[in-house]
N, C-alpha and C. Protein backbone atom coordinates (compact mmCIF):
# COMPACT_ATOMS: atom_id res chain seq x y z
N MET A 1 116.10 208.85 108.55
CA MET A 1 114.84 208.13 108.44
C MET A 1 115.00 206.95 107.50
N HIS A 2 114.44 205.82 107.88
CA HIS A 2 114.46 204.62 107.03
C HIS A 2 113.05 204.40 106.56
N LEU A 3 112.83 204.59 105.28
CA LEU A 3 111.50 204.43 104.69
C LEU A 3 111.37 203.10 104.01
N LYS A 4 110.22 202.44 104.23
CA LYS A 4 109.92 201.24 103.51
C LYS A 4 108.47 201.29 103.10
N ARG A 5 108.23 201.18 101.82
CA ARG A 5 106.85 201.21 101.29
C ARG A 5 106.21 199.85 101.46
N PHE A 6 104.91 199.88 101.66
CA PHE A 6 104.18 198.62 101.86
C PHE A 6 104.41 197.64 100.75
N GLU A 7 104.47 198.15 99.52
CA GLU A 7 104.66 197.20 98.38
C GLU A 7 106.04 196.54 98.38
N ASP A 8 106.98 197.08 99.21
CA ASP A 8 108.32 196.47 99.30
C ASP A 8 108.45 195.50 100.50
N ALA A 9 107.38 195.37 101.27
CA ALA A 9 107.44 194.44 102.44
C ALA A 9 107.52 193.02 101.94
N ARG A 10 108.37 192.25 102.56
CA ARG A 10 108.58 190.84 102.14
C ARG A 10 107.87 189.90 103.12
N PRO A 11 107.30 188.79 102.59
CA PRO A 11 106.68 187.84 103.50
C PRO A 11 107.70 187.06 104.32
N TYR A 12 107.29 186.58 105.44
CA TYR A 12 108.12 185.72 106.30
C TYR A 12 107.26 184.64 106.91
N GLN A 13 107.90 183.52 107.21
CA GLN A 13 107.21 182.38 107.84
C GLN A 13 107.47 182.43 109.33
N ALA A 14 106.41 182.47 110.11
CA ALA A 14 106.57 182.41 111.56
C ALA A 14 106.31 180.96 112.02
N PRO A 15 107.18 180.48 112.93
CA PRO A 15 107.02 179.09 113.38
C PRO A 15 105.72 178.91 114.18
N ASN A 16 105.12 177.75 114.04
CA ASN A 16 103.91 177.38 114.78
C ASN A 16 102.73 178.33 114.52
N HIS A 17 102.63 178.84 113.31
CA HIS A 17 101.49 179.70 112.85
C HIS A 17 100.82 178.94 111.71
N TRP A 18 99.54 179.15 111.51
CA TRP A 18 98.83 178.52 110.40
C TRP A 18 97.81 179.54 109.82
N ASP A 19 97.55 179.36 108.58
CA ASP A 19 96.59 180.19 107.80
C ASP A 19 96.85 181.70 108.07
N VAL A 20 98.08 182.07 107.86
CA VAL A 20 98.52 183.48 108.09
C VAL A 20 99.56 183.80 107.03
N VAL A 21 99.56 185.07 106.65
CA VAL A 21 100.62 185.67 105.82
C VAL A 21 101.24 186.78 106.66
N GLY A 22 102.51 186.66 106.92
CA GLY A 22 103.23 187.69 107.66
C GLY A 22 104.10 188.49 106.69
N LEU A 23 104.04 189.81 106.86
CA LEU A 23 104.84 190.72 106.05
C LEU A 23 105.76 191.52 107.01
N ARG A 24 107.04 191.57 106.72
CA ARG A 24 107.99 192.31 107.57
C ARG A 24 107.93 193.74 107.08
N LEU A 25 107.40 194.62 107.93
CA LEU A 25 107.32 196.07 107.60
C LEU A 25 108.59 196.78 107.88
N GLN A 26 109.27 196.46 108.96
CA GLN A 26 110.53 197.05 109.38
C GLN A 26 111.38 196.02 110.11
N GLY A 27 112.69 196.07 109.91
CA GLY A 27 113.60 195.25 110.65
C GLY A 27 114.37 194.25 109.84
N PHE A 28 115.47 193.79 110.45
CA PHE A 28 116.38 192.82 109.81
C PHE A 28 116.86 193.34 108.46
N GLU A 29 117.18 194.63 108.37
CA GLU A 29 117.68 195.20 107.14
C GLU A 29 118.56 196.40 107.42
N GLU A 30 119.44 196.69 106.51
CA GLU A 30 120.36 197.81 106.64
C GLU A 30 119.61 199.12 106.83
N GLY A 31 119.95 199.89 107.87
CA GLY A 31 119.31 201.17 108.09
C GLY A 31 118.02 201.09 108.83
N GLY A 32 117.51 199.91 109.11
CA GLY A 32 116.26 199.74 109.80
C GLY A 32 116.38 199.91 111.28
N PRO A 33 115.32 199.61 112.05
CA PRO A 33 115.37 199.77 113.50
C PRO A 33 116.41 198.83 114.13
N THR A 34 116.96 199.31 115.22
CA THR A 34 118.04 198.53 115.90
C THR A 34 117.58 197.76 117.09
N ASN A 35 116.38 198.03 117.61
CA ASN A 35 115.88 197.37 118.85
C ASN A 35 114.78 196.34 118.61
N GLN A 36 113.98 196.54 117.61
CA GLN A 36 112.84 195.67 117.37
C GLN A 36 112.53 195.61 115.89
N TRP A 37 111.66 194.63 115.55
CA TRP A 37 111.17 194.57 114.19
C TRP A 37 109.65 194.61 114.23
N VAL A 38 109.04 194.99 113.11
CA VAL A 38 107.61 195.18 113.02
C VAL A 38 107.03 194.35 111.88
N GLY A 39 106.06 193.54 112.20
CA GLY A 39 105.41 192.72 111.19
C GLY A 39 103.88 192.98 111.11
N LEU A 40 103.35 192.67 109.96
CA LEU A 40 101.90 192.71 109.75
C LEU A 40 101.46 191.28 109.50
N SER A 41 100.65 190.75 110.42
CA SER A 41 100.15 189.37 110.26
C SER A 41 98.73 189.42 109.81
N GLN A 42 98.41 188.68 108.71
CA GLN A 42 97.05 188.67 108.17
C GLN A 42 96.54 187.23 108.33
N PHE A 43 95.70 187.05 109.29
CA PHE A 43 95.15 185.70 109.64
C PHE A 43 93.81 185.48 108.94
N LEU A 44 93.75 184.38 108.20
CA LEU A 44 92.48 183.95 107.62
C LEU A 44 91.54 183.48 108.75
N PRO A 45 90.23 183.38 108.43
CA PRO A 45 89.36 182.76 109.45
C PRO A 45 89.87 181.37 109.80
N GLY A 46 89.95 181.09 111.08
CA GLY A 46 90.46 179.82 111.57
C GLY A 46 91.98 179.81 111.76
N GLY A 47 92.64 180.87 111.34
CA GLY A 47 94.10 180.97 111.49
C GLY A 47 94.49 181.27 112.89
N GLY A 48 95.76 181.01 113.18
CA GLY A 48 96.23 181.26 114.55
C GLY A 48 97.69 180.92 114.74
N ALA A 49 98.06 180.84 116.02
CA ALA A 49 99.43 180.55 116.40
C ALA A 49 99.46 179.92 117.81
N GLY A 50 100.47 179.11 118.04
CA GLY A 50 100.70 178.56 119.37
C GLY A 50 100.03 177.24 119.57
N PRO A 51 100.00 176.80 120.80
CA PRO A 51 100.51 177.49 121.99
C PRO A 51 102.02 177.45 122.04
N ASP A 52 102.61 178.58 122.40
CA ASP A 52 104.05 178.64 122.63
C ASP A 52 104.38 179.96 123.30
N SER A 53 105.67 180.12 123.60
CA SER A 53 106.14 181.33 124.25
C SER A 53 107.50 181.73 123.66
N THR A 54 107.89 182.94 123.95
CA THR A 54 109.23 183.40 123.53
C THR A 54 109.95 184.00 124.74
N PRO A 55 111.26 184.07 124.66
CA PRO A 55 112.02 184.62 125.81
C PRO A 55 111.98 186.18 125.84
N PHE A 56 111.23 186.77 124.99
CA PHE A 56 111.12 188.25 124.95
C PHE A 56 109.65 188.65 124.80
N GLU A 57 109.32 189.84 125.23
CA GLU A 57 107.94 190.29 125.11
C GLU A 57 107.60 190.63 123.68
N LYS A 58 106.30 190.66 123.42
CA LYS A 58 105.82 191.07 122.10
C LYS A 58 104.52 191.85 122.31
N VAL A 59 104.25 192.72 121.36
CA VAL A 59 103.06 193.57 121.36
C VAL A 59 102.21 193.21 120.14
N TYR A 60 100.91 193.01 120.36
CA TYR A 60 99.95 192.80 119.28
C TYR A 60 99.00 193.99 119.25
N VAL A 61 98.73 194.53 118.04
CA VAL A 61 97.74 195.56 117.82
C VAL A 61 96.83 195.12 116.67
N VAL A 62 95.56 194.93 117.00
CA VAL A 62 94.61 194.50 115.92
C VAL A 62 94.23 195.74 115.15
N LEU A 63 94.39 195.65 113.79
CA LEU A 63 94.07 196.76 112.91
C LEU A 63 92.71 196.56 112.26
N GLU A 64 92.35 195.30 112.00
CA GLU A 64 91.04 194.94 111.39
C GLU A 64 90.66 193.58 111.91
N GLY A 65 89.37 193.35 112.04
CA GLY A 65 88.88 192.06 112.50
C GLY A 65 89.01 191.88 114.01
N GLU A 66 89.14 190.62 114.45
CA GLU A 66 89.32 190.33 115.87
C GLU A 66 90.16 189.08 116.05
N MET A 67 90.80 189.04 117.20
CA MET A 67 91.70 187.93 117.53
C MET A 67 91.44 187.51 118.96
N THR A 68 91.25 186.20 119.18
CA THR A 68 91.14 185.64 120.51
C THR A 68 92.55 185.26 121.02
N VAL A 69 92.89 185.82 122.16
CA VAL A 69 94.21 185.56 122.79
C VAL A 69 93.96 184.75 124.05
N ILE A 70 94.60 183.61 124.16
CA ILE A 70 94.39 182.70 125.29
C ILE A 70 95.70 182.62 126.07
N VAL A 71 95.64 183.08 127.32
CA VAL A 71 96.82 183.00 128.25
C VAL A 71 96.32 182.45 129.57
N ASP A 72 96.95 181.41 130.05
CA ASP A 72 96.61 180.79 131.36
C ASP A 72 95.14 180.39 131.44
N GLY A 73 94.57 179.91 130.27
CA GLY A 73 93.21 179.47 130.27
C GLY A 73 92.20 180.59 130.15
N THR A 74 92.66 181.82 130.18
CA THR A 74 91.75 182.97 130.05
C THR A 74 91.75 183.47 128.62
N GLU A 75 90.51 183.58 128.04
CA GLU A 75 90.37 184.04 126.68
C GLU A 75 89.99 185.50 126.63
N THR A 76 90.66 186.25 125.83
CA THR A 76 90.35 187.69 125.62
C THR A 76 90.23 187.95 124.14
N VAL A 77 89.17 188.61 123.76
CA VAL A 77 88.98 188.98 122.34
C VAL A 77 89.46 190.38 122.11
N LEU A 78 90.42 190.56 121.23
CA LEU A 78 90.91 191.88 120.81
C LEU A 78 90.19 192.27 119.55
N GLY A 79 89.59 193.47 119.58
CA GLY A 79 88.94 194.05 118.38
C GLY A 79 89.82 195.13 117.78
N LYS A 80 89.28 195.83 116.80
CA LYS A 80 89.98 196.84 116.10
C LYS A 80 90.58 197.87 117.04
N PHE A 81 91.91 198.07 116.91
CA PHE A 81 92.74 198.99 117.67
C PHE A 81 92.97 198.57 119.12
N ASP A 82 92.48 197.41 119.54
CA ASP A 82 92.87 196.89 120.87
C ASP A 82 94.27 196.33 120.71
N SER A 83 94.97 196.33 121.86
CA SER A 83 96.33 195.81 121.88
C SER A 83 96.63 195.07 123.16
N CYS A 84 97.69 194.28 123.13
CA CYS A 84 98.11 193.61 124.35
C CYS A 84 99.63 193.37 124.28
N THR A 85 100.23 193.20 125.46
CA THR A 85 101.63 192.81 125.57
C THR A 85 101.68 191.42 126.11
N ILE A 86 102.41 190.54 125.45
CA ILE A 86 102.66 189.19 125.92
C ILE A 86 104.03 189.23 126.56
N ALA A 87 104.09 188.82 127.87
CA ALA A 87 105.34 188.93 128.63
C ALA A 87 106.33 187.80 128.21
N PRO A 88 107.61 188.00 128.47
CA PRO A 88 108.59 186.96 128.18
C PRO A 88 108.21 185.66 128.91
N GLY A 89 108.26 184.57 128.21
CA GLY A 89 107.97 183.28 128.78
C GLY A 89 106.49 182.95 128.98
N GLU A 90 105.61 183.92 128.68
CA GLU A 90 104.17 183.70 128.83
C GLU A 90 103.64 182.81 127.72
N LEU A 91 103.00 181.73 128.10
CA LEU A 91 102.45 180.78 127.09
C LEU A 91 101.14 181.38 126.56
N ARG A 92 101.09 181.55 125.26
CA ARG A 92 99.89 182.09 124.61
C ARG A 92 99.51 181.29 123.38
N LYS A 93 98.21 181.38 123.08
CA LYS A 93 97.70 180.84 121.84
C LYS A 93 96.77 181.96 121.31
N ILE A 94 96.80 182.15 119.98
CA ILE A 94 95.88 183.11 119.32
C ILE A 94 95.13 182.40 118.24
N GLU A 95 93.85 182.81 118.13
CA GLU A 95 92.95 182.18 117.15
C GLU A 95 92.03 183.22 116.56
N ASN A 96 91.92 183.25 115.21
CA ASN A 96 90.91 184.04 114.57
C ASN A 96 89.64 183.22 114.44
N ARG A 97 88.70 183.40 115.33
CA ARG A 97 87.46 182.66 115.36
C ARG A 97 86.33 183.29 114.57
N SER A 98 86.63 184.36 113.92
CA SER A 98 85.62 185.06 113.14
C SER A 98 85.65 184.60 111.68
N ASN A 99 84.73 185.07 110.88
CA ASN A 99 84.68 184.78 109.45
C ASN A 99 85.35 185.88 108.62
N HIS A 100 86.07 186.78 109.27
CA HIS A 100 86.76 187.91 108.64
C HIS A 100 88.29 187.74 108.79
N VAL A 101 89.04 188.28 107.88
CA VAL A 101 90.49 188.33 108.01
C VAL A 101 90.81 189.25 109.20
N CYS A 102 91.80 188.83 109.99
CA CYS A 102 92.26 189.68 111.07
C CYS A 102 93.68 190.18 110.68
N SER A 103 93.84 191.49 110.62
CA SER A 103 95.12 192.12 110.36
C SER A 103 95.67 192.62 111.68
N MET A 104 96.88 192.18 112.02
CA MET A 104 97.46 192.51 113.32
C MET A 104 98.91 192.94 113.20
N LEU A 105 99.21 194.09 113.78
CA LEU A 105 100.58 194.58 113.84
C LEU A 105 101.27 193.85 114.98
N VAL A 106 102.52 193.44 114.75
CA VAL A 106 103.27 192.72 115.75
C VAL A 106 104.62 193.44 115.92
N VAL A 107 104.97 193.79 117.15
CA VAL A 107 106.25 194.43 117.44
C VAL A 107 107.01 193.51 118.38
N ILE A 108 108.20 193.09 117.97
CA ILE A 108 108.98 192.12 118.72
C ILE A 108 110.47 192.59 118.76
N PRO A 109 111.10 192.55 119.96
CA PRO A 109 112.53 192.83 119.98
C PRO A 109 113.32 191.79 119.21
N TYR A 110 114.50 192.18 118.70
CA TYR A 110 115.35 191.21 118.08
C TYR A 110 115.78 190.13 119.02
N PRO A 111 115.88 188.86 118.60
CA PRO A 111 116.46 187.84 119.43
C PRO A 111 117.98 188.21 119.62
N LYS A 112 118.56 187.74 120.73
CA LYS A 112 119.94 188.09 121.06
C LYS A 112 120.91 187.71 119.96
N GLU A 113 120.66 186.55 119.28
CA GLU A 113 121.56 186.12 118.25
C GLU A 113 121.47 186.97 117.00
N ALA A 114 120.46 187.83 116.85
CA ALA A 114 120.32 188.69 115.65
C ALA A 114 121.02 190.05 115.86
N LYS A 115 121.42 190.34 117.08
CA LYS A 115 122.04 191.66 117.31
C LYS A 115 123.49 191.71 116.91
């Protein structure tokens, strides 16, 4: 078992994101997961990311607040414990349009160059 306490999670900068603090909960470390990494993104009101895409899928799970996910012009609001999978190459934009912080768990496979 690889244990990491929340107080030991380190911040990371995600490209094309704004008004967010990302904490790496698992991954990119000795003894950690070998297939994917897990982050906690805390978006301030008005915070978001994109539009962009990645060559690998990702999973979003909203833990608190709400997040608007925009894919192909369709807007979907994720609330507490809602989740979605963004497919490889799928162009997405996310926006916290509420007045509350949105905490979101993000699960992403390692990029090929990180393996």
